[in-house]
Amino acid sequence: MDAGRGGNEIASAIISILRTILEEHPNIDKICLWSDSCVPQNKNSFMVTALKILLFEHPKLQVIEHKFCSPGHSIQEVDNIHSNIEKSLKVCEVFSPPGFIRALSKVRPSFMKV
């Protein structure tokens, strides 16, 4: 089974995470989400509907604020890490899962705990 990255799949994943958080912290009355400005994944009717359903399911929850980064102006740490991983893997040979973990741990040792 392939995991998609469309609006429906992203909304489902976020709602699943938020439900877990709300189960563990039932007194939360406000949630603030930050997303990039990717319309197919984040700025769409799937996400709005899913968040609206979450509000109905949890009456204590009063506000869901969804903020968006300016398109083209956000630098996310995850993008930087992916770039560094690609560069690191180009200069080494990996023959096993432990070798892969060793290669990853050398990318940014202070940042990554494997």
PDB file of N, CA and C in Angstrom:
ATOM      1  N   MET A   1       0.842  -1.179   0.000  1.00  0.00           N
ATOM      2  CA  MET A   1       0.000   0.000   0.000  1.00  0.00           C
ATOM      3  C   MET A   1       0.889   1.245   0.000  1.00  0.00           C
ATOM      4  N   ASP A   2       0.614   2.165  -0.883  1.00  0.00           N
ATOM      5  CA  ASP A   2       1.371   3.407  -0.963  1.00  0.00           C
ATOM      6  C   ASP A   2       0.691   4.483  -0.124  1.00  0.00           C
ATOM      7  N   ALA A   3       1.501   5.242   0.578  1.00  0.00           N
ATOM      8  CA  ALA A   3       0.973   6.371   1.338  1.00  0.00           C
ATOM      9  C   ALA A   3       1.006   7.589   0.435  1.00  0.00           C
ATOM     10  N   GLY A   4      -0.129   8.212   0.243  1.00  0.00           N
ATOM     11  CA  GLY A   4      -0.191   9.383  -0.614  1.00  0.00           C
ATOM     12  C   GLY A   4       0.138  10.646   0.145  1.00  0.00           C
ATOM     13  N   ARG A   5       0.356  11.702  -0.617  1.00  0.00           N
ATOM     14  CA  ARG A   5       0.631  12.994  -0.008  1.00  0.00           C
ATOM     15  C   ARG A   5      -0.361  14.034  -0.487  1.00  0.00           C
ATOM     16  N   GLY A   6      -1.542  13.583  -0.863  1.00  0.00           N
ATOM     17  CA  GLY A   6      -2.576  14.505  -1.298  1.00  0.00           C
ATOM     18  C   GLY A   6      -3.280  15.131  -0.106  1.00  0.00           C
ATOM     19  N   GLY A   7      -4.203  16.017  -0.400  1.00  0.00           N
ATOM     20  CA  GLY A   7      -4.925  16.734   0.644  1.00  0.00           C
ATOM     21  C   GLY A   7      -5.655  15.837   1.618  1.00  0.00           C
ATOM     22  N   ASN A   8      -6.292  14.785   1.114  1.00  0.00           N
ATOM     23  CA  ASN A   8      -7.043  13.880   1.973  1.00  0.00           C
ATOM     24  C   ASN A   8      -6.116  13.145   2.942  1.00  0.00           C
ATOM     25  N   GLU A   9      -4.987  12.654   2.429  1.00  0.00           N
ATOM     26  CA  GLU A   9      -4.054  11.911   3.278  1.00  0.00           C
ATOM     27  C   GLU A   9      -3.402  12.812   4.327  1.00  0.00           C
ATOM     28  N   ILE A  10      -3.040  14.023   3.931  1.00  0.00           N
ATOM     29  CA  ILE A  10      -2.423  14.958   4.878  1.00  0.00           C
ATOM     30  C   ILE A  10      -3.426  15.330   5.964  1.00  0.00           C
ATOM     31  N   ALA A  11      -4.657  15.630   5.573  1.00  0.00           N
ATOM     32  CA  ALA A  11      -5.691  15.976   6.552  1.00  0.00           C
ATOM     33  C   ALA A  11      -5.931  14.813   7.509  1.00  0.00           C
ATOM     34  N   SER A  12      -6.000  13.592   6.993  1.00  0.00           N
ATOM     35  CA  SER A  12      -6.211  12.416   7.845  1.00  0.00           C
ATOM     36  C   SER A  12      -5.077  12.248   8.846  1.00  0.00           C
ATOM     37  N   ALA A  13      -3.847  12.442   8.393  1.00  0.00           N
ATOM     38  CA  ALA A  13      -2.696  12.299   9.287  1.00  0.00           C
ATOM     39  C   ALA A  13      -2.719  13.359  10.385  1.00  0.00           C
ATOM     40  N   ILE A  14      -3.014  14.593  10.019  1.00  0.00           N
ATOM     41  CA  ILE A  14      -3.040  15.676  11.012  1.00  0.00           C
ATOM     42  C   ILE A  14      -4.153  15.451  12.026  1.00  0.00           C
ATOM     43  N   ILE A  15      -5.320  15.045  11.545  1.00  0.00           N
ATOM     44  CA  ILE A  15      -6.440  14.801  12.456  1.00  0.00           C
ATOM     45  C   ILE A  15      -6.116  13.656  13.401  1.00  0.00           C
ATOM     46  N   SER A  16      -5.478  12.626  12.905  1.00  0.00           N
ATOM     47  CA  SER A  16      -5.083  11.501  13.758  1.00  0.00           C
ATOM     48  C   SER A  16      -4.147  11.966  14.876  1.00  0.00           C
ATOM     49  N   ILE A  17      -3.175  12.785  14.528  1.00  0.00           N
ATOM     50  CA  ILE A  17      -2.240  13.316  15.528  1.00  0.00           C
ATOM     51  C   ILE A  17      -2.976  14.204  16.533  1.00  0.00           C
ATOM     52  N   LEU A  18      -3.849  15.079  16.041  1.00  0.00           N
ATOM     53  CA  LEU A  18      -4.580  15.985  16.933  1.00  0.00           C
ATOM     54  C   LEU A  18      -5.521  15.222  17.861  1.00  0.00           C
ATOM     55  N   ARG A  19      -6.145  14.162  17.373  1.00  0.00           N
ATOM     56  CA  ARG A  19      -7.011  13.343  18.238  1.00  0.00           C
ATOM     57  C   ARG A  19      -6.208  12.721  19.374  1.00  0.00           C
ATOM     58  N   THR A  20      -5.024  12.236  19.060  1.00  0.00           N
ATOM     59  CA  THR A  20      -4.168  11.658  20.099  1.00  0.00           C
ATOM     60  C   THR A  20      -3.800  12.717  21.134  1.00  0.00           C
ATOM     61  N   ILE A  21      -3.441  13.895  20.672  1.00  0.00           N
ATOM     62  CA  ILE A  21      -3.096  14.987  21.591  1.00  0.00           C
ATOM     63  C   ILE A  21      -4.288  15.343  22.468  1.00  0.00           C
ATOM     64  N   LEU A  22      -5.474  15.428  21.867  1.00  0.00           N
ATOM     65  CA  LEU A  22      -6.673  15.790  22.632  1.00  0.00           C
ATOM     66  C   LEU A  22      -7.086  14.699  23.615  1.00  0.00           C
ATOM     67  N   GLU A  23      -6.809  13.442  23.295  1.00  0.00           N
ATOM     68  CA  GLU A  23      -7.081  12.363  24.252  1.00  0.00           C
ATOM     69  C   GLU A  23      -6.161  12.483  25.463  1.00  0.00           C
ATOM     70  N   GLU A  24      -4.906  12.818  25.216  1.00  0.00           N
ATOM     71  CA  GLU A  24      -3.932  12.936  26.299  1.00  0.00           C
ATOM     72  C   GLU A  24      -4.090  14.235  27.088  1.00  0.00           C
ATOM     73  N   HIS A  25      -4.640  15.260  26.450  1.00  0.00           N
ATOM     74  CA  HIS A  25      -4.811  16.573  27.083  1.00  0.00           C
ATOM     75  C   HIS A  25      -6.233  17.080  26.802  1.00  0.00           C
ATOM     76  N   PRO A  26      -7.230  16.523  27.475  1.00  0.00           N
ATOM     77  CA  PRO A  26      -8.632  16.834  27.151  1.00  0.00           C
ATOM     78  C   PRO A  26      -9.065  18.269  27.452  1.00  0.00           C
ATOM     79  N   ASN A  27      -8.277  19.023  28.196  1.00  0.00           N
ATOM     80  CA  ASN A  27      -8.675  20.392  28.537  1.00  0.00           C
ATOM     81  C   ASN A  27      -8.172  21.442  27.556  1.00  0.00           C
ATOM     82  N   ILE A  28      -7.538  21.017  26.486  1.00  0.00           N
ATOM     83  CA  ILE A  28      -7.069  21.975  25.477  1.00  0.00           C
ATOM     84  C   ILE A  28      -8.277  22.657  24.838  1.00  0.00           C
ATOM     85  N   ASP A  29      -8.237  23.991  24.768  1.00  0.00           N
ATOM     86  CA  ASP A  29      -9.351  24.707  24.142  1.00  0.00           C
ATOM     87  C   ASP A  29      -8.933  25.469  22.882  1.00  0.00           C
ATOM     88  N   LYS A  30      -7.608  25.497  22.602  1.00  0.00           N
ATOM     89  CA  LYS A  30      -7.131  26.180  21.395  1.00  0.00           C
ATOM     90  C   LYS A  30      -5.943  25.414  20.816  1.00  0.00           C
ATOM     91  N   ILE A  31      -5.948  25.271  19.495  1.00  0.00           N
ATOM     92  CA  ILE A  31      -4.840  24.640  18.781  1.00  0.00           C
ATOM     93  C   ILE A  31      -4.377  25.611  17.706  1.00  0.00           C
ATOM     94  N   CYS A  32      -3.071  25.768  17.587  1.00  0.00           N
ATOM     95  CA  CYS A  32      -2.488  26.594  16.533  1.00  0.00           C
ATOM     96  C   CYS A  32      -1.637  25.692  15.644  1.00  0.00           C
ATOM     97  N   LEU A  33      -1.970  25.627  14.364  1.00  0.00           N
ATOM     98  CA  LEU A  33      -1.235  24.828  13.390  1.00  0.00           C
ATOM     99  C   LEU A  33      -0.457  25.753  12.464  1.00  0.00           C
ATOM    100  N   TRP A  34       0.749  25.333  12.097  1.00  0.00           N
ATOM    101  CA  TRP A  34       1.540  26.042  11.092  1.00  0.00           C
ATOM    102  C   TRP A  34       1.756  25.113   9.925  1.00  0.00           C
ATOM    103  N   SER A  35       1.531  25.602   8.720  1.00  0.00           N
ATOM    104  CA  SER A  35       1.735  24.806   7.507  1.00  0.00           C
ATOM    105  C   SER A  35       2.417  25.660   6.453  1.00  0.00           C
ATOM    106  N   ASP A  36       3.013  24.977   5.470  1.00  0.00           N
ATOM    107  CA  ASP A  36       3.494  25.733   4.322  1.00  0.00           C
ATOM    108  C   ASP A  36       2.278  26.075   3.465  1.00  0.00           C
ATOM    109  N   SER A  37       2.469  26.813   2.420  1.00  0.00           N
ATOM    110  CA  SER A  37       1.339  27.286   1.610  1.00  0.00           C
ATOM    111  C   SER A  37       1.004  26.364   0.443  1.00  0.00           C
ATOM    112  N   CYS A  38       1.261  25.094   0.590  1.00  0.00           N
ATOM    113  CA  CYS A  38       0.969  24.127  -0.469  1.00  0.00           C
ATOM    114  C   CYS A  38      -0.545  23.902  -0.552  1.00  0.00           C
ATOM    115  N   VAL A  39      -1.153  24.435  -1.580  1.00  0.00           N
ATOM    116  CA  VAL A  39      -2.611  24.335  -1.728  1.00  0.00           C
ATOM    117  C   VAL A  39      -3.081  22.886  -1.807  1.00  0.00           C
ATOM    118  N   PRO A  40      -2.468  22.027  -2.630  1.00  0.00           N
ATOM    119  CA  PRO A  40      -2.973  20.652  -2.717  1.00  0.00           C
ATOM    120  C   PRO A  40      -2.891  19.880  -1.401  1.00  0.00           C
ATOM    121  N   GLN A  41      -1.959  20.252  -0.511  1.00  0.00           N
ATOM    122  CA  GLN A  41      -1.806  19.503   0.731  1.00  0.00           C
ATOM    123  C   GLN A  41      -2.444  20.181   1.934  1.00  0.00           C
ATOM    124  N   ASN A  42      -2.380  21.476   2.034  1.00  0.00           N
ATOM    125  CA  ASN A  42      -2.772  22.152   3.270  1.00  0.00           C
ATOM    126  C   ASN A  42      -3.912  23.154   3.139  1.00  0.00           C
ATOM    127  N   LYS A  43      -3.968  23.881   2.049  1.00  0.00           N
ATOM    128  CA  LYS A  43      -4.996  24.912   1.867  1.00  0.00           C
ATOM    129  C   LYS A  43      -6.094  24.365   0.968  1.00  0.00           C
ATOM    130  N   ASN A  44      -6.946  23.506   1.527  1.00  0.00           N
ATOM    131  CA  ASN A  44      -7.969  22.878   0.694  1.00  0.00           C
ATOM    132  C   ASN A  44      -9.188  22.504   1.528  1.00  0.00           C
ATOM    133  N   SER A  45     -10.243  22.083   0.862  1.00  0.00           N
ATOM    134  CA  SER A  45     -11.493  21.752   1.553  1.00  0.00           C
ATOM    135  C   SER A  45     -11.366  20.500   2.415  1.00  0.00           C
ATOM    136  N   PHE A  46     -10.458  19.570   2.061  1.00  0.00           N
ATOM    137  CA  PHE A  46     -10.259  18.382   2.905  1.00  0.00           C
ATOM    138  C   PHE A  46      -9.821  18.805   4.306  1.00  0.00           C
ATOM    139  N   MET A  47      -8.829  19.701   4.363  1.00  0.00           N
ATOM    140  CA  MET A  47      -8.284  20.134   5.645  1.00  0.00           C
ATOM    141  C   MET A  47      -9.321  20.916   6.443  1.00  0.00           C
ATOM    142  N   VAL A  48     -10.005  21.834   5.794  1.00  0.00           N
ATOM    143  CA  VAL A  48     -11.012  22.648   6.483  1.00  0.00           C
ATOM    144  C   VAL A  48     -12.121  21.767   7.045  1.00  0.00           C
ATOM    145  N   THR A  49     -12.596  20.827   6.249  1.00  0.00           N
ATOM    146  CA  THR A  49     -13.667  19.933   6.698  1.00  0.00           C
ATOM    147  C   THR A  49     -13.196  19.058   7.849  1.00  0.00           C
ATOM    148  N   ALA A  50     -11.990  18.516   7.745  1.00  0.00           N
ATOM    149  CA  ALA A  50     -11.456  17.659   8.808  1.00  0.00           C
ATOM    150  C   ALA A  50     -11.325  18.435  10.119  1.00  0.00           C
ATOM    151  N   LEU A  51     -10.834  19.666  10.053  1.00  0.00           N
ATOM    152  CA  LEU A  51     -10.696  20.478  11.261  1.00  0.00           C
ATOM    153  C   LEU A  51     -12.058  20.850  11.842  1.00  0.00           C
ATOM    154  N   LYS A  52     -13.031  21.083  10.979  1.00  0.00           N
ATOM    155  CA  LYS A  52     -14.390  21.391  11.441  1.00  0.00           C
ATOM    156  C   LYS A  52     -14.994  20.185  12.165  1.00  0.00           C
ATOM    157  N   ILE A  53     -14.800  18.998  11.613  1.00  0.00           N
ATOM    158  CA  ILE A  53     -15.292  17.775  12.256  1.00  0.00           C
ATOM    159  C   ILE A  53     -14.625  17.599  13.619  1.00  0.00           C
ATOM    160  N   LEU A  54     -13.320  17.867  13.690  1.00  0.00           N
ATOM    161  CA  LEU A  54     -12.602  17.754  14.959  1.00  0.00           C
ATOM    162  C   LEU A  54     -13.203  18.693  16.006  1.00  0.00           C
ATOM    163  N   LEU A  55     -13.565  19.905  15.596  1.00  0.00           N
ATOM    164  CA  LEU A  55     -14.209  20.842  16.524  1.00  0.00           C
ATOM    165  C   LEU A  55     -15.534  20.293  17.045  1.00  0.00           C
ATOM    166  N   PHE A  56     -16.320  19.665  16.176  1.00  0.00           N
ATOM    167  CA  PHE A  56     -17.595  19.086  16.605  1.00  0.00           C
ATOM    168  C   PHE A  56     -17.390  17.900  17.541  1.00  0.00           C
ATOM    169  N   GLU A  57     -16.348  17.114  17.300  1.00  0.00           N
ATOM    170  CA  GLU A  57     -16.070  15.935  18.126  1.00  0.00           C
ATOM    171  C   GLU A  57     -15.581  16.298  19.527  1.00  0.00           C
ATOM    172  N   HIS A  58     -14.982  17.471  19.658  1.00  0.00           N
ATOM    173  CA  HIS A  58     -14.384  17.878  20.935  1.00  0.00           C
ATOM    174  C   HIS A  58     -14.949  19.232  21.353  1.00  0.00           C
ATOM    175  N   PRO A  59     -16.087  19.227  22.053  1.00  0.00           N
ATOM    176  CA  PRO A  59     -16.756  20.482  22.420  1.00  0.00           C
ATOM    177  C   PRO A  59     -15.893  21.422  23.268  1.00  0.00           C
ATOM    178  N   LYS A  60     -14.963  20.873  24.035  1.00  0.00           N
ATOM    179  CA  LYS A  60     -14.074  21.711  24.852  1.00  0.00           C
ATOM    180  C   LYS A  60     -13.144  22.554  23.960  1.00  0.00           C
ATOM    181  N   LEU A  61     -12.828  22.027  22.796  1.00  0.00           N
ATOM    182  CA  LEU A  61     -11.968  22.728  21.842  1.00  0.00           C
ATOM    183  C   LEU A  61     -12.771  23.860  21.193  1.00  0.00           C
ATOM    184  N   GLN A  62     -12.325  25.086  21.394  1.00  0.00           N
ATOM    185  CA  GLN A  62     -13.060  26.250  20.902  1.00  0.00           C
ATOM    186  C   GLN A  62     -12.473  26.856  19.630  1.00  0.00           C
ATOM    187  N   VAL A  63     -11.139  26.780  19.484  1.00  0.00           N
ATOM    188  CA  VAL A  63     -10.479  27.475  18.381  1.00  0.00           C
ATOM    189  C   VAL A  63      -9.400  26.586  17.768  1.00  0.00           C
ATOM    190  N   ILE A  64      -9.408  26.513  16.445  1.00  0.00           N
ATOM    191  CA  ILE A  64      -8.284  25.945  15.707  1.00  0.00           C
ATOM    192  C   ILE A  64      -7.799  27.050  14.778  1.00  0.00           C
ATOM    193  N   GLU A  65      -6.604  27.523  15.040  1.00  0.00           N
ATOM    194  CA  GLU A  65      -6.009  28.579  14.226  1.00  0.00           C
ATOM    195  C   GLU A  65      -4.990  27.921  13.297  1.00  0.00           C
ATOM    196  N   HIS A  66      -5.182  28.086  12.003  1.00  0.00           N
ATOM    197  CA  HIS A  66      -4.289  27.477  11.017  1.00  0.00           C
ATOM    198  C   HIS A  66      -3.547  28.599  10.308  1.00  0.00           C
ATOM    199  N   LYS A  67      -2.247  28.694  10.564  1.00  0.00           N
ATOM    200  CA  LYS A  67      -1.418  29.749   9.980  1.00  0.00           C
ATOM    201  C   LYS A  67      -0.576  29.168   8.852  1.00  0.00           C
ATOM    202  N   PHE A  68      -0.253  30.012   7.885  1.00  0.00           N
ATOM    203  CA  PHE A  68       0.513  29.579   6.723  1.00  0.00           C
ATOM    204  C   PHE A  68       1.739  30.460   6.535  1.00  0.00           C
ATOM    205  N   CYS A  69       2.869  29.826   6.242  1.00  0.00           N
ATOM    206  CA  CYS A  69       4.099  30.555   5.929  1.00  0.00           C
ATOM    207  C   CYS A  69       3.936  31.234   4.574  1.00  0.00           C
ATOM    208  N   SER A  70       4.652  32.322   4.373  1.00  0.00           N
ATOM    209  CA  SER A  70       4.620  32.995   3.074  1.00  0.00           C
ATOM    210  C   SER A  70       5.260  32.095   2.024  1.00  0.00           C
ATOM    211  N   PRO A  71       4.613  31.930   0.878  1.00  0.00           N
ATOM    212  CA  PRO A  71       5.184  31.061  -0.159  1.00  0.00           C
ATOM    213  C   PRO A  71       6.567  31.532  -0.605  1.00  0.00           C
ATOM    214  N   GLY A  72       7.491  30.598  -0.651  1.00  0.00           N
ATOM    215  CA  GLY A  72       8.832  30.899  -1.124  1.00  0.00           C
ATOM    216  C   GLY A  72       9.739  31.580  -0.123  1.00  0.00           C
ATOM    217  N   HIS A  73       9.219  31.918   1.057  1.00  0.00           N
ATOM    218  CA  HIS A  73      10.021  32.636   2.042  1.00  0.00           C
ATOM    219  C   HIS A  73      10.311  31.818   3.290  1.00  0.00           C
ATOM    220  N   SER A  74       9.889  30.579   3.299  1.00  0.00           N
ATOM    221  CA  SER A  74      10.124  29.768   4.490  1.00  0.00           C
ATOM    222  C   SER A  74      11.293  28.822   4.245  1.00  0.00           C
ATOM    223  N   ILE A  75      12.171  28.755   5.206  1.00  0.00           N
ATOM    224  CA  ILE A  75      13.274  27.804   5.151  1.00  0.00           C
ATOM    225  C   ILE A  75      13.036  26.834   6.293  1.00  0.00           C
ATOM    226  N   GLN A  76      12.769  25.596   5.944  1.00  0.00           N
ATOM    227  CA  GLN A  76      12.460  24.615   6.966  1.00  0.00           C
ATOM    228  C   GLN A  76      13.672  23.730   7.217  1.00  0.00           C
ATOM    229  N   GLU A  77      13.916  23.448   8.481  1.00  0.00           N
ATOM    230  CA  GLU A  77      15.041  22.615   8.882  1.00  0.00           C
ATOM    231  C   GLU A  77      15.014  21.264   8.182  1.00  0.00           C
ATOM    232  N   VAL A  78      13.823  20.722   7.998  1.00  0.00           N
ATOM    233  CA  VAL A  78      13.714  19.400   7.379  1.00  0.00           C
ATOM    234  C   VAL A  78      14.261  19.407   5.954  1.00  0.00           C
ATOM    235  N   ASP A  79      14.063  20.477   5.207  1.00  0.00           N
ATOM    236  CA  ASP A  79      14.600  20.564   3.848  1.00  0.00           C
ATOM    237  C   ASP A  79      16.130  20.582   3.869  1.00  0.00           C
ATOM    238  N   ASN A  80      16.694  21.300   4.817  1.00  0.00           N
ATOM    239  CA  ASN A  80      18.135  21.370   4.960  1.00  0.00           C
ATOM    240  C   ASN A  80      18.703  19.991   5.292  1.00  0.00           C
ATOM    241  N   ILE A  81      18.064  19.281   6.192  1.00  0.00           N
ATOM    242  CA  ILE A  81      18.522  17.939   6.579  1.00  0.00           C
ATOM    243  C   ILE A  81      18.495  17.012   5.375  1.00  0.00           C
ATOM    244  N   HIS A  82      17.409  17.025   4.609  1.00  0.00           N
ATOM    245  CA  HIS A  82      17.319  16.145   3.435  1.00  0.00           C
ATOM    246  C   HIS A  82      18.455  16.424   2.460  1.00  0.00           C
ATOM    247  N   SER A  83      18.777  17.667   2.252  1.00  0.00           N
ATOM    248  CA  SER A  83      19.866  18.034   1.355  1.00  0.00           C
ATOM    249  C   SER A  83      21.200  17.503   1.876  1.00  0.00           C
ATOM    250  N   ASN A  84      21.430  17.661   3.170  1.00  0.00           N
ATOM    251  CA  ASN A  84      22.678  17.172   3.764  1.00  0.00           C
ATOM    252  C   ASN A  84      22.775  15.654   3.716  1.00  0.00           C
ATOM    253  N   ILE A  85      21.659  14.967   3.905  1.00  0.00           N
ATOM    254  CA  ILE A  85      21.655  13.503   3.825  1.00  0.00           C
ATOM    255  C   ILE A  85      22.019  13.059   2.412  1.00  0.00           C
ATOM    256  N   GLU A  86      21.408  13.688   1.415  1.00  0.00           N
ATOM    257  CA  GLU A  86      21.713  13.334   0.021  1.00  0.00           C
ATOM    258  C   GLU A  86      23.196  13.525  -0.288  1.00  0.00           C
ATOM    259  N   LYS A  87      23.765  14.641   0.152  1.00  0.00           N
ATOM    260  CA  LYS A  87      25.189  14.894  -0.082  1.00  0.00           C
ATOM    261  C   LYS A  87      26.051  13.841   0.603  1.00  0.00           C
ATOM    262  N   SER A  88      25.695  13.491   1.825  1.00  0.00           N
ATOM    263  CA  SER A  88      26.464  12.510   2.588  1.00  0.00           C
ATOM    264  C   SER A  88      26.424  11.132   1.939  1.00  0.00           C
ATOM    265  N   LEU A  89      25.256  10.737   1.448  1.00  0.00           N
ATOM    266  CA  LEU A  89      25.116   9.403   0.856  1.00  0.00           C
ATOM    267  C   LEU A  89      25.807   9.296  -0.504  1.00  0.00           C
ATOM    268  N   LYS A  90      26.061  10.420  -1.159  1.00  0.00           N
ATOM    269  CA  LYS A  90      26.758  10.392  -2.451  1.00  0.00           C
ATOM    270  C   LYS A  90      28.232  10.033  -2.300  1.00  0.00           C
ATOM    271  N   VAL A  91      28.796  10.292  -1.132  1.00  0.00           N
ATOM    272  CA  VAL A  91      30.233  10.070  -0.941  1.00  0.00           C
ATOM    273  C   VAL A  91      30.557   8.839  -0.098  1.00  0.00           C
ATOM    274  N   CYS A  92      29.564   8.012   0.196  1.00  0.00           N
ATOM    275  CA  CYS A  92      29.840   6.796   0.957  1.00  0.00           C
ATOM    276  C   CYS A  92      29.027   5.639   0.380  1.00  0.00           C
ATOM    277  N   GLU A  93      29.481   4.436   0.683  1.00  0.00           N
ATOM    278  CA  GLU A  93      28.758   3.243   0.253  1.00  0.00           C
ATOM    279  C   GLU A  93      28.071   2.638   1.470  1.00  0.00           C
ATOM    280  N   VAL A  94      26.816   2.301   1.319  1.00  0.00           N
ATOM    281  CA  VAL A  94      26.042   1.725   2.414  1.00  0.00           C
ATOM    282  C   VAL A  94      25.649   0.310   2.016  1.00  0.00           C
ATOM    283  N   PHE A  95      25.992  -0.656   2.874  1.00  0.00           N
ATOM    284  CA  PHE A  95      25.725  -2.057   2.567  1.00  0.00           C
ATOM    285  C   PHE A  95      24.735  -2.712   3.523  1.00  0.00           C
ATOM    286  N   SER A  96      24.345  -2.010   4.592  1.00  0.00           N
ATOM    287  CA  SER A  96      23.451  -2.621   5.582  1.00  0.00           C
ATOM    288  C   SER A  96      22.696  -1.523   6.326  1.00  0.00           C
ATOM    289  N   PRO A  97      21.596  -1.889   7.008  1.00  0.00           N
ATOM    290  CA  PRO A  97      20.879  -0.888   7.811  1.00  0.00           C
ATOM    291  C   PRO A  97      21.762  -0.209   8.864  1.00  0.00           C
ATOM    292  N   PRO A  98      22.611  -0.966   9.596  1.00  0.00           N
ATOM    293  CA  PRO A  98      23.492  -0.262  10.545  1.00  0.00           C
ATOM    294  C   PRO A  98      24.445   0.719   9.847  1.00  0.00           C
ATOM    295  N   GLY A  99      24.892   0.365   8.644  1.00  0.00           N
ATOM    296  CA  GLY A  99      25.742   1.280   7.885  1.00  0.00           C
ATOM    297  C   GLY A  99      24.996   2.542   7.498  1.00  0.00           C
ATOM    298  N   PHE A 100      23.718   2.392   7.178  1.00  0.00           N
ATOM    299  CA  PHE A 100      22.882   3.537   6.836  1.00  0.00           C
ATOM    300  C   PHE A 100      22.722   4.444   8.054  1.00  0.00           C
ATOM    301  N   ILE A 101      22.499   3.839   9.212  1.00  0.00           N
ATOM    302  CA  ILE A 101      22.357   4.622  10.447  1.00  0.00           C
ATOM    303  C   ILE A 101      23.652   5.372  10.747  1.00  0.00           C
ATOM    304  N   ARG A 102      24.805   4.707  10.565  1.00  0.00           N
ATOM    305  CA  ARG A 102      26.091   5.381  10.779  1.00  0.00           C
ATOM    306  C   ARG A 102      26.241   6.577   9.831  1.00  0.00           C
ATOM    307  N   ALA A 103      25.863   6.377   8.576  1.00  0.00           N
ATOM    308  CA  ALA A 103      25.960   7.469   7.598  1.00  0.00           C
ATOM    309  C   ALA A 103      25.055   8.634   7.998  1.00  0.00           C
ATOM    310  N   LEU A 104      23.849   8.333   8.456  1.00  0.00           N
ATOM    311  CA  LEU A 104      22.922   9.392   8.869  1.00  0.00           C
ATOM    312  C   LEU A 104      23.427  10.137  10.096  1.00  0.00           C
ATOM    313  N   SER A 105      24.016   9.405  11.030  1.00  0.00           N
ATOM    314  CA  SER A 105      24.466  10.047  12.269  1.00  0.00           C
ATOM    315  C   SER A 105      25.636  11.000  12.029  1.00  0.00           C
ATOM    316  N   LYS A 106      26.330  10.863  10.903  1.00  0.00           N
ATOM    317  CA  LYS A 106      27.452  11.756  10.589  1.00  0.00           C
ATOM    318  C   LYS A 106      26.998  13.042   9.899  1.00  0.00           C
ATOM    319  N   VAL A 107      25.739  13.095   9.469  1.00  0.00           N
ATOM    320  CA  VAL A 107      25.251  14.280   8.755  1.00  0.00           C
ATOM    321  C   VAL A 107      25.310  15.501   9.662  1.00  0.00           C
ATOM    322  N   ARG A 108      24.662  15.429  10.808  1.00  0.00           N
ATOM    323  CA  ARG A 108      24.690  16.496  11.808  1.00  0.00           C
ATOM    324  C   ARG A 108      24.627  15.845  13.178  1.00  0.00           C
ATOM    325  N   PRO A 109      25.753  15.394  13.708  1.00  0.00           N
ATOM    326  CA  PRO A 109      25.757  14.631  14.956  1.00  0.00           C
ATOM    327  C   PRO A 109      25.095  15.344  16.129  1.00  0.00           C
ATOM    328  N   SER A 110      25.192  16.664  16.213  1.00  0.00           N
ATOM    329  CA  SER A 110      24.604  17.370  17.353  1.00  0.00           C
ATOM    330  C   SER A 110      23.089  17.481  17.233  1.00  0.00           C
ATOM    331  N   PHE A 111      22.564  17.338  16.022  1.00  0.00           N
ATOM    332  CA  PHE A 111      21.125  17.503  15.802  1.00  0.00           C
ATOM    333  C   PHE A 111      20.380  16.179  15.907  1.00  0.00           C
ATOM    334  N   MET A 112      20.983  15.117  15.379  1.00  0.00           N
ATOM    335  CA  MET A 112      20.283  13.856  15.210  1.00  0.00           C
ATOM    336  C   MET A 112      20.669  12.866  16.293  1.00  0.00           C
ATOM    337  N   LYS A 113      19.683  12.241  16.898  1.00  0.00           N
ATOM    338  CA  LYS A 113      19.936  11.192  17.877  1.00  0.00           C
ATOM    339  C   LYS A 113      19.331   9.915  17.327  1.00  0.00           C
ATOM    340  N   VAL A 114      20.189   8.964  16.932  1.00  0.00           N
ATOM    341  CA  VAL A 114      19.720   7.713  16.327  1.00  0.00           C
ATOM    342  C   VAL A 114      19.926   6.587  17.299  1.00  0.00           C
TER     343      VAL A 114
END
